[in-house]
Structures are given as C-alpha cells and as structure tokens.
C-alpha cells in the first residue's frame, strides 16, 4: 500500500510541475532557408479580461494544455526529420517561428509578426515587395480560432494548414483560397452520421454539439441534411465546460418516455406520435382585442380529419374601417 501511495504522490507532483511549465523561447524559433509559422494553444485563456485598449496577453500565466503542447512538439520533430533527411528537400533547410496562440482575441502581435516584412506590414505595397518571410502557417486547432485569424493570411495567399479546424465555412475557396486542412470537414462527418441514421431507420434523434463555431456549423449542416425527410430532431443541446451532463440525459429520457405516454385528460385520450406531437386533439384560435384581452375566435381540429373555423366578425382590425386580408395556406 505504501509504495502505491508514494507512486501516486510522485505522479501528482510531476503533473503539477508539468501544468506550470512552458516551453523555452529557443523551442519556438529555428533559422532556415524557408520559414514555417506555427500557431498552437499551448496555454488556454479560459477567463479573458476586458481591456479599454488592445493589450497582449501573457500566455505562460494561463492554464497549460498538454495535447496542444504535444502537437507543438510534433511540428518541431517533423521539421527536424526533414532537415536531417538526405532525400527530403536536399540542400534546403526549414526553419520555424511558433507562437503560443492561447487566445483568439489577444494574440494578434504574433499573427502580425508572421505577416510582417522586416518588421513592417504594408498592405498597400507592391505584391512582389510585400512577401512575408513565412511561406506557410500550421494551425490553429479550433474552427473558432481559425475563423479569427485566417482572413489575415488569406489576403497575401499564405498557405494555412490546419490540423483541427473542420468547419464547412473553410470550404468556400472564394473566402479562404489558400486554406488547407488535414482533417475531414464537418460536411463529410455529417453526411456519414446521416447515412447511419437512415440505415437504421431512426426517425427520432437528439443532436449534442460543442457550443462553438465547430459545433454550431455541424448542427446547421445536420438541419439541412434532414430537411424534407421523416427524421425528427427531437432534442438539441450545445455543450461547454459548464454543461451538466446528468440533466441533459434526464431530459432525453423524459422525451423518450413521452413517446410512449397514453393517458386521459378531461375525458380525452392523450397520445403522442414519434415526433412527440399529439396524435389527435384541437387548438383554440385566440385574438387579442382592442382592450388587450384574449378572446377565442375559432378552433382547429386535426382528428379524425383536419377542420378549422374562424369567426371573422370577432376580429377587430386597427385600420380606418377597412377589413384585414388573409390567405389560405395549404
């Protein structure tokens, strides 16, 4: 038992030290004939502070992100392997300038550094005199961060290779002509999900997505994919760090039970179909009159057949004695 406790304490100490660490400055820069830019959220600014004027954020003081640190090291390792190879880019050396992209709001000094020529940015200069020393940029990871910085690199057609941004927005080449990625786009993933739902003939589904640009894009694509089909999106929830998972699954279970409900209310049998809609019943049509009170002016019944009635004489139009107009919607 004691050796286990000692090992546990040692592991906790190592993880604590790792969470406090940051990469040395020398790891972020390497000279070479051609320079690659890198944007990795090694730290994450989870609580941005409002400033009256633009200020650079000190990323090293923010929480450490281990997966992003590993991706950062993978890029360094890849460049090292290319430089040490006699077959890949012989007689050419690659360098890099990498920035800790901990915030999509306050990391613009690093972005502007990659775009600059001799420390200056001249957007109205001659194209051949306005070439950045960076030939391509790797990152950022999320669609939200990429949407923020990508337009800046697109203006000079600097290739931008993302290793995680899957939003379908980047497929628009008119807006993102030099954007590339190493992951499947949201559209391909949603098409796959739709085919699975269709294969199993599921008509009642819940959609859980991350509450960011990536997740919202996926939700919108799914909406479009199931349009004009018999598939019903019965539940949707955007997830973030504050989401209560237990409550979400309870809500889904309630909806599932509601489909099987069969009870009597006011001498009427109440049942729901697979879309959680009443199988039969009626609705009252209500009009707010000039005194501000609600008044029933008709009804709508949908069982056993559709039938509705409106007493037009009870409708008071706020015009100079003219009656309102209406159209039949089929």
C-alpha atoms as a PDB file:
ATOM      1  CA  UNK A   1       0.000   0.000   0.000  1.00  0.00           C
ATOM      2  CA  UNK A   2       2.835   2.402   0.892  1.00  0.00           C
ATOM      3  CA  UNK A   3       4.664   2.012  -2.467  1.00  0.00           C
ATOM      4  CA  UNK A   4       1.358   2.736  -4.228  1.00  0.00           C
ATOM      5  CA  UNK A   5       0.828   5.923  -2.214  1.00  0.00           C
ATOM      6  CA  UNK A   6       4.408   7.030  -2.875  1.00  0.00           C
ATOM      7  CA  UNK A   7       3.950   6.457  -6.623  1.00  0.00           C
ATOM      8  CA  UNK A   8       0.665   8.333  -6.563  1.00  0.00           C
ATOM      9  CA  UNK A   9       2.234  11.316  -4.803  1.00  0.00           C
ATOM     10  CA  UNK A  10       5.158  11.304  -7.248  1.00  0.00           C
ATOM     11  CA  UNK A  11       2.775  11.237 -10.225  1.00  0.00           C
ATOM     12  CA  UNK A  12       0.801  14.122  -8.757  1.00  0.00           C
ATOM     13  CA  UNK A  13       3.989  16.152  -8.292  1.00  0.00           C
ATOM     14  CA  UNK A  14       5.077  15.524 -11.898  1.00  0.00           C
ATOM     15  CA  UNK A  15       1.687  16.515 -13.308  1.00  0.00           C
ATOM     16  CA  UNK A  16       1.624  19.640 -11.148  1.00  0.00           C
ATOM     17  CA  UNK A  17       5.067  20.688 -12.374  1.00  0.00           C
ATOM     18  CA  UNK A  18       4.059  19.956 -15.958  1.00  0.00           C
ATOM     19  CA  UNK A  19       0.954  22.101 -15.645  1.00  0.00           C
ATOM     20  CA  UNK A  20       3.123  25.000 -14.515  1.00  0.00           C
ATOM     21  CA  UNK A  21       5.686  24.645 -17.263  1.00  0.00           C
ATOM     22  CA  UNK A  22       6.075  26.465 -20.545  1.00  0.00           C
ATOM     23  CA  UNK A  23       8.316  25.808 -23.497  1.00  0.00           C
ATOM     24  CA  UNK A  24      11.641  27.709 -23.540  1.00  0.00           C
ATOM     25  CA  UNK A  25      11.904  30.525 -26.077  1.00  0.00           C
ATOM     26  CA  UNK A  26      14.520  28.573 -28.050  1.00  0.00           C
ATOM     27  CA  UNK A  27      11.940  25.890 -28.817  1.00  0.00           C
ATOM     28  CA  UNK A  28       9.761  28.386 -30.666  1.00  0.00           C
ATOM     29  CA  UNK A  29      12.305  29.581 -33.245  1.00  0.00           C
ATOM     30  CA  UNK A  30      14.644  27.899 -35.698  1.00  0.00           C
ATOM     31  CA  UNK A  31      16.572  29.561 -38.519  1.00  0.00           C
ATOM     32  CA  UNK A  32      16.271  28.108 -42.008  1.00  0.00           C
ATOM     33  CA  UNK A  33      16.218  28.851 -45.728  1.00  0.00           C
ATOM     34  CA  UNK A  34      12.432  28.752 -45.627  1.00  0.00           C
ATOM     35  CA  UNK A  35      10.342  29.638 -42.617  1.00  0.00           C
ATOM     36  CA  UNK A  36       7.146  27.976 -41.396  1.00  0.00           C
ATOM     37  CA  UNK A  37       4.766  29.632 -38.966  1.00  0.00           C
ATOM     38  CA  UNK A  38       3.037  27.723 -36.195  1.00  0.00           C
ATOM     39  CA  UNK A  39       0.026  28.551 -34.017  1.00  0.00           C
ATOM     40  CA  UNK A  40      -0.539  26.204 -31.071  1.00  0.00           C
ATOM     41  CA  UNK A  41      -2.635  26.908 -27.985  1.00  0.00           C
ATOM     42  CA  UNK A  42      -0.051  25.544 -25.547  1.00  0.00           C
ATOM     43  CA  UNK A  43      -1.824  27.584 -22.895  1.00  0.00           C
ATOM     44  CA  UNK A  44      -5.512  28.469 -22.825  1.00  0.00           C
ATOM     45  CA  UNK A  45      -7.008  31.774 -21.734  1.00  0.00           C
ATOM     46  CA  UNK A  46     -10.240  30.448 -20.220  1.00  0.00           C
ATOM     47  CA  UNK A  47     -11.118  33.717 -18.464  1.00  0.00           C
ATOM     48  CA  UNK A  48     -10.384  36.668 -20.789  1.00  0.00           C
ATOM     49  CA  UNK A  49     -10.335  40.105 -19.171  1.00  0.00           C
ATOM     50  CA  UNK A  50     -11.866  43.172 -20.812  1.00  0.00           C
ATOM     51  CA  UNK A  51      -9.396  45.976 -21.593  1.00  0.00           C
ATOM     52  CA  UNK A  52     -10.080  49.555 -22.652  1.00  0.00           C
ATOM     53  CA  UNK A  53      -7.372  49.260 -25.294  1.00  0.00           C
ATOM     54  CA  UNK A  54      -5.689  46.322 -27.064  1.00  0.00           C
ATOM     55  CA  UNK A  55      -3.174  44.519 -24.880  1.00  0.00           C
ATOM     56  CA  UNK A  56      -1.050  41.444 -25.480  1.00  0.00           C
ATOM     57  CA  UNK A  57      -1.796  38.526 -23.179  1.00  0.00           C
ATOM     58  CA  UNK A  58       0.916  36.714 -21.198  1.00  0.00           C
ATOM     59  CA  UNK A  59       0.207  33.146 -22.283  1.00  0.00           C
ATOM     60  CA  UNK A  60       2.660  31.495 -19.878  1.00  0.00           C
ATOM     61  CA  UNK A  61       0.474  32.580 -16.955  1.00  0.00           C
ATOM     62  CA  UNK A  62      -2.549  30.721 -18.343  1.00  0.00           C
ATOM     63  CA  UNK A  63      -3.505  27.039 -17.804  1.00  0.00           C
ATOM     64  CA  UNK A  64      -1.245  24.581 -19.612  1.00  0.00           C
ATOM     65  CA  UNK A  65      -2.753  22.406 -22.398  1.00  0.00           C
ATOM     66  CA  UNK A  66      -0.890  19.118 -22.715  1.00  0.00           C
ATOM     67  CA  UNK A  67      -2.438  17.872 -26.029  1.00  0.00           C
ATOM     68  CA  UNK A  68      -1.530  21.141 -27.764  1.00  0.00           C
ATOM     69  CA  UNK A  69       1.989  21.006 -26.343  1.00  0.00           C
ATOM     70  CA  UNK A  70       2.350  17.561 -27.904  1.00  0.00           C
ATOM     71  CA  UNK A  71       1.186  18.885 -31.280  1.00  0.00           C
ATOM     72  CA  UNK A  72       3.703  21.698 -30.955  1.00  0.00           C
ATOM     73  CA  UNK A  73       6.478  19.139 -30.383  1.00  0.00           C
ATOM     74  CA  UNK A  74       5.262  17.062 -33.344  1.00  0.00           C
ATOM     75  CA  UNK A  75       5.798  20.042 -35.652  1.00  0.00           C
ATOM     76  CA  UNK A  76       9.304  20.606 -34.290  1.00  0.00           C
ATOM     77  CA  UNK A  77      10.089  16.903 -34.682  1.00  0.00           C
ATOM     78  CA  UNK A  78       8.771  16.863 -38.272  1.00  0.00           C
ATOM     79  CA  UNK A  79      10.933  19.825 -39.283  1.00  0.00           C
ATOM     80  CA  UNK A  80      13.942  18.190 -37.642  1.00  0.00           C
ATOM     81  CA  UNK A  81      13.360  14.937 -39.550  1.00  0.00           C
ATOM     82  CA  UNK A  82      13.065  16.795 -42.865  1.00  0.00           C
ATOM     83  CA  UNK A  83      16.251  18.754 -42.216  1.00  0.00           C
ATOM     84  CA  UNK A  84      18.157  15.575 -41.273  1.00  0.00           C
ATOM     85  CA  UNK A  85      16.964  13.678 -44.346  1.00  0.00           C
ATOM     86  CA  UNK A  86      19.089  13.460 -47.481  1.00  0.00           C
ATOM     87  CA  UNK A  87      16.038  12.617 -49.631  1.00  0.00           C
ATOM     88  CA  UNK A  88      13.514  15.203 -48.435  1.00  0.00           C
ATOM     89  CA  UNK A  89      14.356  18.743 -49.580  1.00  0.00           C
ATOM     90  CA  UNK A  90      18.110  18.138 -50.038  1.00  0.00           C
ATOM     91  CA  UNK A  91      20.372  21.177 -49.683  1.00  0.00           C
ATOM     92  CA  UNK A  92      17.447  23.102 -48.185  1.00  0.00           C
ATOM     93  CA  UNK A  93      16.800  23.794 -44.523  1.00  0.00           C
ATOM     94  CA  UNK A  94      13.430  24.531 -42.961  1.00  0.00           C
ATOM     95  CA  UNK A  95      13.012  26.886 -40.053  1.00  0.00           C
ATOM     96  CA  UNK A  96      10.033  27.846 -37.975  1.00  0.00           C
ATOM     97  CA  UNK A  97       8.602  30.584 -35.834  1.00  0.00           C
ATOM     98  CA  UNK A  98       5.919  29.269 -33.497  1.00  0.00           C
ATOM     99  CA  UNK A  99       3.579  31.227 -31.250  1.00  0.00           C
ATOM    100  CA  UNK A 100       1.588  30.145 -28.219  1.00  0.00           C
ATOM    101  CA  UNK A 101      -1.893  31.007 -29.507  1.00  0.00           C
ATOM    102  CA  UNK A 102      -3.642  30.960 -26.134  1.00  0.00           C
ATOM    103  CA  UNK A 103      -6.323  33.496 -27.087  1.00  0.00           C
ATOM    104  CA  UNK A 104      -8.066  34.295 -30.356  1.00  0.00           C
ATOM    105  CA  UNK A 105      -8.666  37.842 -29.094  1.00  0.00           C
ATOM    106  CA  UNK A 106      -5.303  38.963 -27.732  1.00  0.00           C
ATOM    107  CA  UNK A 107      -2.705  37.062 -29.792  1.00  0.00           C
ATOM    108  CA  UNK A 108      -2.591  39.391 -32.778  1.00  0.00           C
ATOM    109  CA  UNK A 109       1.004  40.561 -32.128  1.00  0.00           C
ATOM    110  CA  UNK A 110       2.163  37.039 -33.030  1.00  0.00           C
ATOM    111  CA  UNK A 111      -0.055  36.946 -36.114  1.00  0.00           C
ATOM    112  CA  UNK A 112       1.227  40.323 -37.294  1.00  0.00           C
ATOM    113  CA  UNK A 113       4.801  39.169 -36.705  1.00  0.00           C
ATOM    114  CA  UNK A 114       4.266  36.290 -39.134  1.00  0.00           C
ATOM    115  CA  UNK A 115       2.769  38.653 -41.720  1.00  0.00           C
ATOM    116  CA  UNK A 116       5.420  41.347 -41.404  1.00  0.00           C
ATOM    117  CA  UNK A 117       8.283  42.062 -43.779  1.00  0.00           C
ATOM    118  CA  UNK A 118      11.332  43.375 -41.927  1.00  0.00           C
ATOM    119  CA  UNK A 119       9.073  44.184 -39.000  1.00  0.00           C
ATOM    120  CA  UNK A 120       6.619  46.189 -41.129  1.00  0.00           C
ATOM    121  CA  UNK A 121       3.224  45.471 -42.662  1.00  0.00           C
ATOM    122  CA  UNK A 122       2.426  47.425 -45.826  1.00  0.00           C
ATOM    123  CA  UNK A 123      -0.991  46.299 -47.088  1.00  0.00           C
ATOM    124  CA  UNK A 124      -0.907  48.805 -49.977  1.00  0.00           C
ATOM    125  CA  UNK A 125       2.608  47.993 -51.104  1.00  0.00           C
ATOM    126  CA  UNK A 126       3.572  46.251 -54.325  1.00  0.00           C
ATOM    127  CA  UNK A 127       2.799  42.497 -54.157  1.00  0.00           C
ATOM    128  CA  UNK A 128       6.348  41.425 -55.014  1.00  0.00           C
ATOM    129  CA  UNK A 129       7.724  43.730 -52.313  1.00  0.00           C
ATOM    130  CA  UNK A 130       5.230  42.604 -49.704  1.00  0.00           C
ATOM    131  CA  UNK A 131       6.142  38.943 -49.362  1.00  0.00           C
ATOM    132  CA  UNK A 132       6.275  37.640 -45.807  1.00  0.00           C
ATOM    133  CA  UNK A 133       9.274  35.602 -44.722  1.00  0.00           C
ATOM    134  CA  UNK A 134       6.802  32.859 -43.756  1.00  0.00           C
ATOM    135  CA  UNK A 135       5.893  30.540 -46.647  1.00  0.00           C
ATOM    136  CA  UNK A 136       3.110  28.675 -44.784  1.00  0.00           C
ATOM    137  CA  UNK A 137       1.399  28.535 -41.396  1.00  0.00           C
ATOM    138  CA  UNK A 138       0.398  25.461 -39.385  1.00  0.00           C
ATOM    139  CA  UNK A 139      -2.647  25.853 -37.109  1.00  0.00           C
ATOM    140  CA  UNK A 140      -4.604  26.891 -35.177  1.00  0.00           C
ATOM    141  CA  UNK A 141      -6.511  23.878 -33.867  1.00  0.00           C
ATOM    142  CA  UNK A 142     -10.118  25.007 -33.400  1.00  0.00           C
ATOM    143  CA  UNK A 143     -12.513  26.370 -36.009  1.00  0.00           C
ATOM    144  CA  UNK A 144     -13.245  29.391 -33.808  1.00  0.00           C
ATOM    145  CA  UNK A 145      -9.583  30.420 -33.580  1.00  0.00           C
ATOM    146  CA  UNK A 146      -9.033  29.741 -37.271  1.00  0.00           C
ATOM    147  CA  UNK A 147     -12.002  31.873 -38.333  1.00  0.00           C
ATOM    148  CA  UNK A 148     -10.466  34.766 -36.406  1.00  0.00           C
ATOM    149  CA  UNK A 149      -7.000  34.732 -37.965  1.00  0.00           C
ATOM    150  CA  UNK A 150      -7.435  33.045 -41.363  1.00  0.00           C
ATOM    151  CA  UNK A 151      -8.643  36.173 -43.230  1.00  0.00           C
ATOM    152  CA  UNK A 152      -5.347  37.905 -42.404  1.00  0.00           C
ATOM    153  CA  UNK A 153      -3.305  35.164 -44.069  1.00  0.00           C
ATOM    154  CA  UNK A 154      -5.710  34.862 -46.990  1.00  0.00           C
ATOM    155  CA  UNK A 155      -5.035  38.475 -48.032  1.00  0.00           C
ATOM    156  CA  UNK A 156      -1.471  37.509 -49.023  1.00  0.00           C
ATOM    157  CA  UNK A 157      -2.432  33.966 -50.088  1.00  0.00           C
ATOM    158  CA  UNK A 158      -0.163  32.488 -47.424  1.00  0.00           C
ATOM    159  CA  UNK A 159      -0.960  28.748 -47.242  1.00  0.00           C
ATOM    160  CA  UNK A 160      -2.613  27.893 -43.940  1.00  0.00           C
ATOM    161  CA  UNK A 161      -2.665  24.221 -42.934  1.00  0.00           C
ATOM    162  CA  UNK A 162      -4.998  23.467 -40.041  1.00  0.00           C
ATOM    163  CA  UNK A 163      -4.783  20.228 -38.099  1.00  0.00           C
ATOM    164  CA  UNK A 164      -8.212  20.540 -36.446  1.00  0.00           C
ATOM    165  CA  UNK A 165     -10.499  23.196 -37.988  1.00  0.00           C
ATOM    166  CA  UNK A 166     -13.334  21.173 -39.518  1.00  0.00           C
ATOM    167  CA  UNK A 167     -15.953  23.882 -40.085  1.00  0.00           C
ATOM    168  CA  UNK A 168     -17.579  23.749 -43.510  1.00  0.00           C
ATOM    169  CA  UNK A 169     -17.029  27.510 -43.825  1.00  0.00           C
ATOM    170  CA  UNK A 170     -13.431  26.895 -44.914  1.00  0.00           C
ATOM    171  CA  UNK A 171     -14.627  25.007 -47.997  1.00  0.00           C
ATOM    172  CA  UNK A 172     -15.550  28.366 -49.559  1.00  0.00           C
ATOM    173  CA  UNK A 173     -12.461  28.935 -51.681  1.00  0.00           C
ATOM    174  CA  UNK A 174     -13.572  32.439 -52.602  1.00  0.00           C
ATOM    175  CA  UNK A 175     -13.118  33.429 -48.949  1.00  0.00           C
ATOM    176  CA  UNK A 176     -10.341  31.014 -47.973  1.00  0.00           C
ATOM    177  CA  UNK A 177      -8.340  30.420 -51.180  1.00  0.00           C
ATOM    178  CA  UNK A 178      -5.119  29.259 -49.510  1.00  0.00           C
ATOM    179  CA  UNK A 179      -6.633  27.266 -46.633  1.00  0.00           C
ATOM    180  CA  UNK A 180      -5.825  23.561 -46.321  1.00  0.00           C
ATOM    181  CA  UNK A 181      -6.511  21.032 -43.570  1.00  0.00           C
ATOM    182  CA  UNK A 182      -5.516  17.525 -42.544  1.00  0.00           C
ATOM    183  CA  UNK A 183      -8.932  16.553 -41.107  1.00  0.00           C
ATOM    184  CA  UNK A 184     -12.291  15.785 -42.674  1.00  0.00           C
ATOM    185  CA  UNK A 185     -14.700  18.680 -42.992  1.00  0.00           C
ATOM    186  CA  UNK A 186     -17.899  18.834 -40.973  1.00  0.00           C
ATOM    187  CA  UNK A 187     -19.941  18.185 -44.110  1.00  0.00           C
ATOM    188  CA  UNK A 188     -18.344  14.785 -44.651  1.00  0.00           C
ATOM    189  CA  UNK A 189     -18.841  13.838 -40.995  1.00  0.00           C
ATOM    190  CA  UNK A 190     -22.495  14.943 -41.002  1.00  0.00           C
ATOM    191  CA  UNK A 191     -23.111  13.028 -44.244  1.00  0.00           C
ATOM    192  CA  UNK A 192     -21.754   9.908 -42.533  1.00  0.00           C
ATOM    193  CA  UNK A 193     -23.951  10.460 -39.459  1.00  0.00           C
ATOM    194  CA  UNK A 194     -26.985  10.974 -41.693  1.00  0.00           C
ATOM    195  CA  UNK A 195     -26.292   7.741 -43.579  1.00  0.00           C
ATOM    196  CA  UNK A 196     -26.065   5.825 -40.289  1.00  0.00           C
ATOM    197  CA  UNK A 197     -29.365   7.304 -39.073  1.00  0.00           C
ATOM    198  CA  UNK A 198     -31.002   6.485 -42.399  1.00  0.00           C
ATOM    199  CA  UNK A 199     -29.584   2.936 -42.491  1.00  0.00           C
ATOM    200  CA  UNK A 200     -31.119   2.046 -39.123  1.00  0.00           C
ATOM    201  CA  UNK A 201     -34.337   3.921 -39.989  1.00  0.00           C
ATOM    202  CA  UNK A 202     -34.060   6.146 -36.917  1.00  0.00           C
ATOM    203  CA  UNK A 203     -36.656   8.891 -37.119  1.00  0.00           C
ATOM    204  CA  UNK A 204     -36.302  10.445 -33.679  1.00  0.00           C
ATOM    205  CA  UNK A 205     -32.812  11.685 -32.817  1.00  0.00           C
ATOM    206  CA  UNK A 206     -31.008  14.001 -30.412  1.00  0.00           C
ATOM    207  CA  UNK A 207     -28.040  16.121 -31.518  1.00  0.00           C
ATOM    208  CA  UNK A 208     -25.371  17.158 -28.998  1.00  0.00           C
ATOM    209  CA  UNK A 209     -22.728  19.586 -30.224  1.00  0.00           C
ATOM    210  CA  UNK A 210     -19.966  21.731 -28.798  1.00  0.00           C
ATOM    211  CA  UNK A 211     -21.082  25.297 -28.167  1.00  0.00           C
ATOM    212  CA  UNK A 212     -18.621  26.907 -30.587  1.00  0.00           C
ATOM    213  CA  UNK A 213     -18.179  27.594 -34.297  1.00  0.00           C
ATOM    214  CA  UNK A 214     -17.331  23.945 -34.997  1.00  0.00           C
ATOM    215  CA  UNK A 215     -20.379  22.537 -33.206  1.00  0.00           C
ATOM    216  CA  UNK A 216     -22.852  25.141 -34.446  1.00  0.00           C
ATOM    217  CA  UNK A 217     -21.679  24.537 -38.011  1.00  0.00           C
ATOM    218  CA  UNK A 218     -22.273  20.804 -37.580  1.00  0.00           C
ATOM    219  CA  UNK A 219     -25.768  21.429 -36.208  1.00  0.00           C
ATOM    220  CA  UNK A 220     -26.695  23.675 -39.149  1.00  0.00           C
ATOM    221  CA  UNK A 221     -25.422  21.069 -41.612  1.00  0.00           C
ATOM    222  CA  UNK A 222     -27.476  18.369 -39.886  1.00  0.00           C
ATOM    223  CA  UNK A 223     -30.587  20.560 -40.045  1.00  0.00           C
ATOM    224  CA  UNK A 224     -30.115  20.954 -43.795  1.00  0.00           C
ATOM    225  CA  UNK A 225     -29.432  17.236 -44.263  1.00  0.00           C
ATOM    226  CA  UNK A 226     -32.643  16.053 -42.579  1.00  0.00           C
ATOM    227  CA  UNK A 227     -34.823  18.693 -44.214  1.00  0.00           C
ATOM    228  CA  UNK A 228     -37.648  17.169 -46.261  1.00  0.00           C
ATOM    229  CA  UNK A 229     -37.064  13.762 -44.629  1.00  0.00           C
ATOM    230  CA  UNK A 230     -39.007  11.862 -41.979  1.00  0.00           C
ATOM    231  CA  UNK A 231     -36.172  12.306 -39.473  1.00  0.00           C
ATOM    232  CA  UNK A 232     -37.154  14.446 -36.484  1.00  0.00           C
ATOM    233  CA  UNK A 233     -34.573  16.365 -34.468  1.00  0.00           C
ATOM    234  CA  UNK A 234     -36.329  15.985 -31.125  1.00  0.00           C
ATOM    235  CA  UNK A 235     -33.579  17.406 -28.921  1.00  0.00           C
ATOM    236  CA  UNK A 236     -30.528  19.602 -29.292  1.00  0.00           C
ATOM    237  CA  UNK A 237     -28.045  20.962 -26.775  1.00  0.00           C
ATOM    238  CA  UNK A 238     -24.836  22.958 -27.103  1.00  0.00           C
ATOM    239  CA  UNK A 239     -22.161  21.678 -24.714  1.00  0.00           C
ATOM    240  CA  UNK A 240     -19.463  23.647 -22.913  1.00  0.00           C
ATOM    241  CA  UNK A 241     -17.341  23.323 -19.778  1.00  0.00           C
ATOM    242  CA  UNK A 242     -20.311  24.274 -17.564  1.00  0.00           C
ATOM    243  CA  UNK A 243     -22.745  21.754 -19.043  1.00  0.00           C
ATOM    244  CA  UNK A 244     -24.473  19.391 -16.608  1.00  0.00           C
ATOM    245  CA  UNK A 245     -24.356  16.049 -18.425  1.00  0.00           C
ATOM    246  CA  UNK A 246     -26.725  14.371 -15.965  1.00  0.00           C
ATOM    247  CA  UNK A 247     -29.512  16.884 -16.616  1.00  0.00           C
ATOM    248  CA  UNK A 248     -29.149  16.501 -20.384  1.00  0.00           C
ATOM    249  CA  UNK A 249     -29.626  12.741 -20.337  1.00  0.00           C
ATOM    250  CA  UNK A 250     -32.564  13.091 -17.954  1.00  0.00           C
ATOM    251  CA  UNK A 251     -34.240  15.434 -20.456  1.00  0.00           C
ATOM    252  CA  UNK A 252     -33.637  12.952 -23.270  1.00  0.00           C
ATOM    253  CA  UNK A 253     -35.089  10.120 -21.177  1.00  0.00           C
ATOM    254  CA  UNK A 254     -38.213  12.196 -20.460  1.00  0.00           C
ATOM    255  CA  UNK A 255     -38.714  12.774 -24.194  1.00  0.00           C
ATOM    256  CA  UNK A 256     -38.292   9.060 -24.857  1.00  0.00           C
ATOM    257  CA  UNK A 257     -40.913   8.218 -22.224  1.00  0.00           C
ATOM    258  CA  UNK A 258     -43.268  10.871 -23.599  1.00  0.00           C
ATOM    259  CA  UNK A 259     -43.477   8.981 -26.891  1.00  0.00           C
ATOM    260  CA  UNK A 260     -44.977   6.039 -25.029  1.00  0.00           C
ATOM    261  CA  UNK A 261     -47.398   8.121 -22.961  1.00  0.00           C
ATOM    262  CA  UNK A 262     -51.088   7.246 -23.100  1.00  0.00           C
ATOM    263  CA  UNK A 263     -53.374   8.894 -20.572  1.00  0.00           C
ATOM    264  CA  UNK A 264     -56.794  10.509 -20.211  1.00  0.00           C
ATOM    265  CA  UNK A 265     -57.252  14.230 -19.602  1.00  0.00           C
ATOM    266  CA  UNK A 266     -60.690  15.892 -19.372  1.00  0.00           C
ATOM    267  CA  UNK A 267     -62.301  12.747 -20.788  1.00  0.00           C
ATOM    268  CA  UNK A 268     -59.979  12.787 -23.797  1.00  0.00           C
ATOM    269  CA  UNK A 269     -57.306  10.197 -24.551  1.00  0.00           C
ATOM    270  CA  UNK A 270     -53.868  11.801 -24.969  1.00  0.00           C
ATOM    271  CA  UNK A 271     -51.239  10.058 -27.099  1.00  0.00           C
ATOM    272  CA  UNK A 272     -48.081  11.230 -28.872  1.00  0.00           C
ATOM    273  CA  UNK A 273     -46.551  10.150 -32.152  1.00  0.00           C
ATOM    274  CA  UNK A 274     -42.881   9.502 -32.862  1.00  0.00           C
ATOM    275  CA  UNK A 275     -42.308  13.251 -33.288  1.00  0.00           C
ATOM    276  CA  UNK A 276     -43.685  13.967 -29.776  1.00  0.00           C
ATOM    277  CA  UNK A 277     -46.767  15.592 -31.271  1.00  0.00           C
ATOM    278  CA  UNK A 278     -50.351  14.811 -30.157  1.00  0.00           C
ATOM    279  CA  UNK A 279     -51.982  12.153 -32.316  1.00  0.00           C
ATOM    280  CA  UNK A 280     -55.318  13.962 -32.141  1.00  0.00           C
ATOM    281  CA  UNK A 281     -56.949  16.903 -30.450  1.00  0.00           C
ATOM    282  CA  UNK A 282     -57.762  20.545 -31.108  1.00  0.00           C
ATOM    283  CA  UNK A 283     -56.392  24.049 -30.679  1.00  0.00           C
ATOM    284  CA  UNK A 284     -58.222  27.252 -29.842  1.00  0.00           C
ATOM    285  CA  UNK A 285     -57.560  30.267 -32.071  1.00  0.00           C
ATOM    286  CA  UNK A 286     -57.081  33.349 -29.900  1.00  0.00           C
ATOM    287  CA  UNK A 287     -57.207  37.042 -30.829  1.00  0.00           C
ATOM    288  CA  UNK A 288     -56.140  39.975 -28.652  1.00  0.00           C
ATOM    289  CA  UNK A 289     -58.882  42.606 -28.933  1.00  0.00           C
ATOM    290  CA  UNK A 290     -58.541  46.370 -28.564  1.00  0.00           C
ATOM    291  CA  UNK A 291     -58.956  46.142 -24.778  1.00  0.00           C
ATOM    292  CA  UNK A 292     -55.885  43.920 -24.536  1.00  0.00           C
ATOM    293  CA  UNK A 293     -57.855  40.814 -23.558  1.00  0.00           C
ATOM    294  CA  UNK A 294     -57.586  37.445 -25.280  1.00  0.00           C
ATOM    295  CA  UNK A 295     -60.747  36.218 -26.973  1.00  0.00           C
ATOM    296  CA  UNK A 296     -61.386  32.835 -28.586  1.00  0.00           C
ATOM    297  CA  UNK A 297     -62.491  33.414 -32.176  1.00  0.00           C
ATOM    298  CA  UNK A 298     -62.268  29.888 -33.559  1.00  0.00           C
ATOM    299  CA  UNK A 299     -60.714  26.454 -33.361  1.00  0.00           C
ATOM    300  CA  UNK A 300     -58.518  23.999 -35.235  1.00  0.00           C
ATOM    301  CA  UNK A 301     -59.103  20.230 -35.080  1.00  0.00           C
ATOM    302  CA  UNK A 302     -56.870  17.600 -36.635  1.00  0.00           C
ATOM    303  CA  UNK A 303     -58.647  14.319 -35.726  1.00  0.00           C
ATOM    304  CA  UNK A 304     -60.181  12.384 -37.311  1.00  0.00           C
ATOM    305  CA  UNK A 305     -59.835  14.948 -40.124  1.00  0.00           C
ATOM    306  CA  UNK A 306     -58.424  18.470 -40.338  1.00  0.00           C
ATOM    307  CA  UNK A 307     -61.004  21.192 -39.775  1.00  0.00           C
ATOM    308  CA  UNK A 308     -60.798  24.786 -38.642  1.00  0.00           C
ATOM    309  CA  UNK A 309     -63.180  27.664 -38.106  1.00  0.00           C
ATOM    310  CA  UNK A 310     -62.635  31.412 -37.571  1.00  0.00           C
ATOM    311  CA  UNK A 311     -65.372  33.887 -36.666  1.00  0.00           C
ATOM    312  CA  UNK A 312     -64.210  36.905 -38.690  1.00  0.00           C
ATOM    313  CA  UNK A 313     -66.814  39.163 -37.073  1.00  0.00           C
ATOM    314  CA  UNK A 314     -64.912  38.964 -33.788  1.00  0.00           C
ATOM    315  CA  UNK A 315     -61.675  40.222 -35.336  1.00  0.00           C
ATOM    316  CA  UNK A 316     -61.204  43.963 -34.895  1.00  0.00           C
ATOM    317  CA  UNK A 317     -58.688  45.497 -37.299  1.00  0.00           C
ATOM    318  CA  UNK A 318     -56.823  48.658 -36.364  1.00  0.00           C
ATOM    319  CA  UNK A 319     -57.486  50.427 -39.674  1.00  0.00           C
ATOM    320  CA  UNK A 320     -59.809  53.158 -40.972  1.00  0.00           C
ATOM    321  CA  UNK A 321     -62.851  50.945 -41.271  1.00  0.00           C
ATOM    322  CA  UNK A 322     -61.119  48.554 -43.670  1.00  0.00           C
ATOM    323  CA  UNK A 323     -61.129  44.848 -43.025  1.00  0.00           C
ATOM    324  CA  UNK A 324     -57.942  42.854 -42.989  1.00  0.00           C
ATOM    325  CA  UNK A 325     -56.884  40.419 -45.647  1.00  0.00           C
ATOM    326  CA  UNK A 326     -55.811  36.829 -45.282  1.00  0.00           C
ATOM    327  CA  UNK A 327     -54.656  33.956 -47.434  1.00  0.00           C
ATOM    328  CA  UNK A 328     -55.250  30.233 -47.220  1.00  0.00           C
ATOM    329  CA  UNK A 329     -52.106  28.246 -46.507  1.00  0.00           C
ATOM    330  CA  UNK A 330     -52.151  24.722 -47.868  1.00  0.00           C
END
